[in-house]
């Protein structure tokens, strides 16, 4: 998926959604991982990673700094 120029690109929301879905599906297929996850422990682990990404580095545990 190429980078869009700045400003209004003329691409509709539906087209962007379709392109994003295709990108995710292609990436998952290439890595041999499922597109959908239903395991509660996996979902919990991903949620924790996403929460940490929103924190400032000074608030993270030193072992989890990027």
PDB file of N, CA and C in Angstrom:
ATOM      1  N   UNK A   1       0.854  -1.164   0.000  1.00  0.00           N
ATOM      2  CA  UNK A   1       0.000   0.000   0.000  1.00  0.00           C
ATOM      3  C   UNK A   1       0.899   1.226   0.000  1.00  0.00           C
ATOM      4  N   UNK A   2       0.818   2.016  -1.044  1.00  0.00           N
ATOM      5  CA  UNK A   2       1.650   3.199  -1.149  1.00  0.00           C
ATOM      6  C   UNK A   2       1.137   4.336  -0.294  1.00  0.00           C
ATOM      7  N   UNK A   3       2.011   5.237   0.006  1.00  0.00           N
ATOM      8  CA  UNK A   3       1.654   6.392   0.838  1.00  0.00           C
ATOM      9  C   UNK A   3       0.836   7.388   0.027  1.00  0.00           C
ATOM     10  N   UNK A   4      -0.240   7.883   0.614  1.00  0.00           N
ATOM     11  CA  UNK A   4      -1.104   8.849  -0.048  1.00  0.00           C
ATOM     12  C   UNK A   4      -0.515  10.248   0.088  1.00  0.00           C
ATOM     13  N   UNK A   5      -0.711  11.106  -0.905  1.00  0.00           N
ATOM     14  CA  UNK A   5      -0.238  12.482  -0.791  1.00  0.00           C
ATOM     15  C   UNK A   5      -0.992  13.219   0.307  1.00  0.00           C
ATOM     16  N   UNK A   6      -0.382  14.267   0.830  1.00  0.00           N
ATOM     17  CA  UNK A   6      -1.017  15.045   1.886  1.00  0.00           C
ATOM     18  C   UNK A   6      -2.265  15.727   1.339  1.00  0.00           C
ATOM     19  N   UNK A   7      -3.195  16.015   2.240  1.00  0.00           N
ATOM     20  CA  UNK A   7      -4.428  16.666   1.829  1.00  0.00           C
ATOM     21  C   UNK A   7      -5.476  15.653   1.414  1.00  0.00           C
ATOM     22  N   UNK A   8      -6.511  16.126   0.826  1.00  0.00           N
ATOM     23  CA  UNK A   8      -7.604  15.248   0.408  1.00  0.00           C
ATOM     24  C   UNK A   8      -7.166  14.437  -0.802  1.00  0.00           C
ATOM     25  N   UNK A   9      -7.141  13.121  -0.651  1.00  0.00           N
ATOM     26  CA  UNK A   9      -6.649  12.264  -1.723  1.00  0.00           C
ATOM     27  C   UNK A   9      -7.748  11.822  -2.670  1.00  0.00           C
ATOM     28  N   UNK A  10      -9.004  12.051  -2.306  1.00  0.00           N
ATOM     29  CA  UNK A  10     -10.099  11.615  -3.149  1.00  0.00           C
ATOM     30  C   UNK A  10     -10.491  10.175  -2.897  1.00  0.00           C
ATOM     31  N   UNK A  11      -9.780   9.488  -2.032  1.00  0.00           N
ATOM     32  CA  UNK A  11     -10.102   8.106  -1.712  1.00  0.00           C
ATOM     33  C   UNK A  11     -11.234   8.085  -0.695  1.00  0.00           C
ATOM     34  N   UNK A  12     -12.249   7.294  -0.988  1.00  0.00           N
ATOM     35  CA  UNK A  12     -13.398   7.234  -0.090  1.00  0.00           C
ATOM     36  C   UNK A  12     -13.054   6.418   1.154  1.00  0.00           C
ATOM     37  N   UNK A  13     -13.838   6.633   2.169  1.00  0.00           N
ATOM     38  CA  UNK A  13     -13.671   5.889   3.417  1.00  0.00           C
ATOM     39  C   UNK A  13     -13.805   4.384   3.182  1.00  0.00           C
ATOM     40  N   UNK A  14     -14.752   4.018   2.341  1.00  0.00           N
ATOM     41  CA  UNK A  14     -14.975   2.599   2.044  1.00  0.00           C
ATOM     42  C   UNK A  14     -13.766   1.983   1.343  1.00  0.00           C
ATOM     43  N   UNK A  15     -13.170   2.731   0.426  1.00  0.00           N
ATOM     44  CA  UNK A  15     -11.983   2.231  -0.271  1.00  0.00           C
ATOM     45  C   UNK A  15     -10.806   2.081   0.688  1.00  0.00           C
ATOM     46  N   UNK A  16     -10.625   3.051   1.565  1.00  0.00           N
ATOM     47  CA  UNK A  16      -9.545   2.950   2.558  1.00  0.00           C
ATOM     48  C   UNK A  16      -9.756   1.759   3.478  1.00  0.00           C
ATOM     49  N   UNK A  17     -11.011   1.543   3.893  1.00  0.00           N
ATOM     50  CA  UNK A  17     -11.318   0.400   4.752  1.00  0.00           C
ATOM     51  C   UNK A  17     -11.008  -0.912   4.035  1.00  0.00           C
ATOM     52  N   UNK A  18     -11.418  -1.012   2.782  1.00  0.00           N
ATOM     53  CA  UNK A  18     -11.155  -2.229   2.003  1.00  0.00           C
ATOM     54  C   UNK A  18      -9.658  -2.463   1.829  1.00  0.00           C
ATOM     55  N   UNK A  19      -8.914  -1.403   1.575  1.00  0.00           N
ATOM     56  CA  UNK A  19      -7.459  -1.529   1.423  1.00  0.00           C
ATOM     57  C   UNK A  19      -6.799  -1.947   2.737  1.00  0.00           C
ATOM     58  N   UNK A  20      -7.277  -1.394   3.854  1.00  0.00           N
ATOM     59  CA  UNK A  20      -6.717  -1.755   5.161  1.00  0.00           C
ATOM     60  C   UNK A  20      -6.994  -3.215   5.485  1.00  0.00           C
ATOM     61  N   UNK A  21      -8.204  -3.659   5.214  1.00  0.00           N
ATOM     62  CA  UNK A  21      -8.560  -5.060   5.465  1.00  0.00           C
ATOM     63  C   UNK A  21      -7.702  -5.981   4.612  1.00  0.00           C
ATOM     64  N   UNK A  22      -7.544  -5.643   3.336  1.00  0.00           N
ATOM     65  CA  UNK A  22      -6.714  -6.465   2.448  1.00  0.00           C
ATOM     66  C   UNK A  22      -5.273  -6.511   2.933  1.00  0.00           C
ATOM     67  N   UNK A  23      -4.750  -5.376   3.414  1.00  0.00           N
ATOM     68  CA  UNK A  23      -3.376  -5.309   3.920  1.00  0.00           C
ATOM     69  C   UNK A  23      -3.201  -6.226   5.130  1.00  0.00           C
ATOM     70  N   UNK A  24      -4.167  -6.183   6.053  1.00  0.00           N
ATOM     71  CA  UNK A  24      -4.099  -7.032   7.249  1.00  0.00           C
ATOM     72  C   UNK A  24      -4.187  -8.501   6.859  1.00  0.00           C
ATOM     73  N   UNK A  25      -5.138  -8.830   5.999  1.00  0.00           N
ATOM     74  CA  UNK A  25      -5.304 -10.227   5.583  1.00  0.00           C
ATOM     75  C   UNK A  25      -4.061 -10.755   4.883  1.00  0.00           C
ATOM     76  N   UNK A  26      -3.461  -9.933   4.025  1.00  0.00           N
ATOM     77  CA  UNK A  26      -2.238 -10.343   3.316  1.00  0.00           C
ATOM     78  C   UNK A  26      -1.090 -10.550   4.299  1.00  0.00           C
ATOM     79  N   UNK A  27      -0.927  -9.615   5.234  1.00  0.00           N
ATOM     80  CA  UNK A  27       0.142  -9.734   6.226  1.00  0.00           C
ATOM     81  C   UNK A  27      -0.025 -10.958   7.110  1.00  0.00           C
ATOM     82  N   UNK A  28      -1.253 -11.221   7.515  1.00  0.00           N
ATOM     83  CA  UNK A  28      -1.510 -12.408   8.351  1.00  0.00           C
ATOM     84  C   UNK A  28      -1.224 -13.690   7.570  1.00  0.00           C
ATOM     85  N   UNK A  29      -1.659 -13.725   6.308  1.00  0.00           N
ATOM     86  CA  UNK A  29      -1.417 -14.910   5.485  1.00  0.00           C
ATOM     87  C   UNK A  29       0.076 -15.150   5.293  1.00  0.00           C
ATOM     88  N   UNK A  30       0.832 -14.086   5.057  1.00  0.00           N
ATOM     89  CA  UNK A  30       2.279 -14.213   4.861  1.00  0.00           C
ATOM     90  C   UNK A  30       2.983 -14.725   6.111  1.00  0.00           C
ATOM     91  N   UNK A  31       2.436 -14.389   7.286  1.00  0.00           N
ATOM     92  CA  UNK A  31       3.056 -14.790   8.548  1.00  0.00           C
ATOM     93  C   UNK A  31       2.453 -16.068   9.129  1.00  0.00           C
ATOM     94  N   UNK A  32       1.405 -16.576   8.479  1.00  0.00           N
ATOM     95  CA  UNK A  32       0.767 -17.799   8.947  1.00  0.00           C
ATOM     96  C   UNK A  32       0.014 -17.629  10.250  1.00  0.00           C
ATOM     97  N   UNK A  33      -0.549 -16.451  10.461  1.00  0.00           N
ATOM     98  CA  UNK A  33      -1.313 -16.205  11.682  1.00  0.00           C
ATOM     99  C   UNK A  33      -2.767 -15.905  11.316  1.00  0.00           C
ATOM    100  N   UNK A  34      -3.696 -16.214  12.221  1.00  0.00           N
ATOM    101  CA  UNK A  34      -5.106 -15.963  11.910  1.00  0.00           C
ATOM    102  C   UNK A  34      -5.418 -14.470  11.889  1.00  0.00           C
ATOM    103  N   UNK A  35      -6.404 -14.101  11.085  1.00  0.00           N
ATOM    104  CA  UNK A  35      -6.839 -12.708  11.007  1.00  0.00           C
ATOM    105  C   UNK A  35      -7.605 -12.341  12.269  1.00  0.00           C
ATOM    106  N   UNK A  36      -8.404 -13.270  12.772  1.00  0.00           N
ATOM    107  CA  UNK A  36      -9.199 -13.020  13.969  1.00  0.00           C
ATOM    108  C   UNK A  36      -8.630 -13.804  15.144  1.00  0.00           C
ATOM    109  N   UNK A  37      -8.692 -13.208  16.313  1.00  0.00           N
ATOM    110  CA  UNK A  37      -8.199 -13.837  17.531  1.00  0.00           C
ATOM    111  C   UNK A  37      -9.357 -13.933  18.516  1.00  0.00           C
ATOM    112  N   UNK A  38      -9.534 -15.107  19.121  1.00  0.00           N
ATOM    113  CA  UNK A  38     -10.612 -15.263  20.091  1.00  0.00           C
ATOM    114  C   UNK A  38     -10.103 -15.717  21.465  1.00  0.00           C
ATOM    115  N   UNK A  39      -8.810 -16.025  21.555  1.00  0.00           N
ATOM    116  CA  UNK A  39      -8.240 -16.475  22.816  1.00  0.00           C
ATOM    117  C   UNK A  39      -8.170 -15.302  23.800  1.00  0.00           C
ATOM    118  N   UNK A  40      -8.841 -15.405  24.957  1.00  0.00           N
ATOM    119  CA  UNK A  40      -8.869 -14.280  25.905  1.00  0.00           C
ATOM    120  C   UNK A  40      -7.490 -13.849  26.398  1.00  0.00           C
ATOM    121  N   UNK A  41      -6.574 -14.777  26.588  1.00  0.00           N
ATOM    122  CA  UNK A  41      -5.239 -14.414  27.065  1.00  0.00           C
ATOM    123  C   UNK A  41      -4.458 -13.630  26.009  1.00  0.00           C
ATOM    124  N   UNK A  42      -4.626 -14.005  24.754  1.00  0.00           N
ATOM    125  CA  UNK A  42      -3.968 -13.273  23.669  1.00  0.00           C
ATOM    126  C   UNK A  42      -4.533 -11.866  23.563  1.00  0.00           C
ATOM    127  N   UNK A  43      -5.842 -11.741  23.654  1.00  0.00           N
ATOM    128  CA  UNK A  43      -6.484 -10.425  23.593  1.00  0.00           C
ATOM    129  C   UNK A  43      -6.026  -9.553  24.754  1.00  0.00           C
ATOM    130  N   UNK A  44      -5.914 -10.137  25.938  1.00  0.00           N
ATOM    131  CA  UNK A  44      -5.443  -9.396  27.110  1.00  0.00           C
ATOM    132  C   UNK A  44      -3.996  -8.927  26.911  1.00  0.00           C
ATOM    133  N   UNK A  45      -3.158  -9.782  26.359  1.00  0.00           N
ATOM    134  CA  UNK A  45      -1.749  -9.417  26.131  1.00  0.00           C
ATOM    135  C   UNK A  45      -1.643  -8.279  25.112  1.00  0.00           C
ATOM    136  N   UNK A  46      -2.422  -8.342  24.051  1.00  0.00           N
ATOM    137  CA  UNK A  46      -2.393  -7.284  23.036  1.00  0.00           C
ATOM    138  C   UNK A  46      -2.900  -5.969  23.627  1.00  0.00           C
ATOM    139  N   UNK A  47      -3.959  -6.037  24.417  1.00  0.00           N
ATOM    140  CA  UNK A  47      -4.496  -4.825  25.048  1.00  0.00           C
ATOM    141  C   UNK A  47      -3.440  -4.179  25.944  1.00  0.00           C
ATOM    142  N   UNK A  48      -2.676  -4.974  26.670  1.00  0.00           N
ATOM    143  CA  UNK A  48      -1.628  -4.444  27.537  1.00  0.00           C
ATOM    144  C   UNK A  48      -0.531  -3.770  26.717  1.00  0.00           C
ATOM    145  N   UNK A  49      -0.152  -4.382  25.609  1.00  0.00           N
ATOM    146  CA  UNK A  49       0.867  -3.794  24.738  1.00  0.00           C
ATOM    147  C   UNK A  49       0.384  -2.454  24.192  1.00  0.00           C
ATOM    148  N   UNK A  50      -0.864  -2.399  23.765  1.00  0.00           N
ATOM    149  CA  UNK A  50      -1.414  -1.149  23.225  1.00  0.00           C
ATOM    150  C   UNK A  50      -1.487  -0.072  24.299  1.00  0.00           C
ATOM    151  N   UNK A  51      -1.851  -0.438  25.518  1.00  0.00           N
ATOM    152  CA  UNK A  51      -1.885   0.542  26.615  1.00  0.00           C
ATOM    153  C   UNK A  51      -0.498   1.100  26.875  1.00  0.00           C
ATOM    154  N   UNK A  52       0.513   0.252  26.869  1.00  0.00           N
ATOM    155  CA  UNK A  52       1.876   0.706  27.120  1.00  0.00           C
ATOM    156  C   UNK A  52       2.349   1.655  26.027  1.00  0.00           C
ATOM    157  N   UNK A  53       1.902   1.429  24.805  1.00  0.00           N
ATOM    158  CA  UNK A  53       2.301   2.286  23.698  1.00  0.00           C
ATOM    159  C   UNK A  53       1.790   3.708  23.839  1.00  0.00           C
ATOM    160  N   UNK A  54       0.738   3.901  24.613  1.00  0.00           N
ATOM    161  CA  UNK A  54       0.170   5.226  24.803  1.00  0.00           C
ATOM    162  C   UNK A  54       0.824   5.966  25.956  1.00  0.00           C
ATOM    163  N   UNK A  55       1.640   5.285  26.755  1.00  0.00           N
ATOM    164  CA  UNK A  55       2.299   5.922  27.892  1.00  0.00           C
ATOM    165  C   UNK A  55       3.574   6.619  27.443  1.00  0.00           C
ATOM    166  N   UNK A  56       3.981   7.600  28.191  1.00  0.00           N
ATOM    167  CA  UNK A  56       5.279   8.239  27.954  1.00  0.00           C
ATOM    168  C   UNK A  56       6.365   7.307  28.475  1.00  0.00           C
ATOM    169  N   UNK A  57       7.516   7.359  27.873  1.00  0.00           N
ATOM    170  CA  UNK A  57       8.607   6.454  28.244  1.00  0.00           C
ATOM    171  C   UNK A  57       8.971   6.577  29.719  1.00  0.00           C
ATOM    172  N   UNK A  58       8.851   7.770  30.292  1.00  0.00           N
ATOM    173  CA  UNK A  58       9.242   7.935  31.686  1.00  0.00           C
ATOM    174  C   UNK A  58       8.276   7.229  32.629  1.00  0.00           C
ATOM    175  N   UNK A  59       7.069   6.911  32.176  1.00  0.00           N
ATOM    176  CA  UNK A  59       6.099   6.232  33.023  1.00  0.00           C
ATOM    177  C   UNK A  59       6.188   4.723  32.906  1.00  0.00           C
ATOM    178  N   UNK A  60       6.801   4.227  31.846  1.00  0.00           N
ATOM    179  CA  UNK A  60       6.914   2.791  31.654  1.00  0.00           C
ATOM    180  C   UNK A  60       7.947   2.195  32.607  1.00  0.00           C
ATOM    181  N   UNK A  61       7.768   0.912  32.910  1.00  0.00           N
ATOM    182  CA  UNK A  61       8.803   0.189  33.642  1.00  0.00           C
ATOM    183  C   UNK A  61      10.071   0.224  32.800  1.00  0.00           C
ATOM    184  N   UNK A  62      11.212   0.299  33.449  1.00  0.00           N
ATOM    185  CA  UNK A  62      12.465   0.384  32.701  1.00  0.00           C
ATOM    186  C   UNK A  62      12.664  -0.820  31.783  1.00  0.00           C
ATOM    187  N   UNK A  63      12.097  -1.963  32.145  1.00  0.00           N
ATOM    188  CA  UNK A  63      12.255  -3.151  31.316  1.00  0.00           C
ATOM    189  C   UNK A  63      11.391  -3.096  30.067  1.00  0.00           C
ATOM    190  N   UNK A  64      10.431  -2.162  30.014  1.00  0.00           N
ATOM    191  CA  UNK A  64       9.506  -2.096  28.899  1.00  0.00           C
ATOM    192  C   UNK A  64       9.704  -0.861  28.038  1.00  0.00           C
ATOM    193  N   UNK A  65      10.743  -0.101  28.273  1.00  0.00           N
ATOM    194  CA  UNK A  65      11.000   1.082  27.457  1.00  0.00           C
ATOM    195  C   UNK A  65      11.430   0.657  26.060  1.00  0.00           C
ATOM    196  N   UNK A  66      11.067   1.455  25.077  1.00  0.00           N
ATOM    197  CA  UNK A  66      11.429   1.144  23.687  1.00  0.00           C
ATOM    198  C   UNK A  66      12.829   1.599  23.384  1.00  0.00           C
TER     199      UNK A  66
END
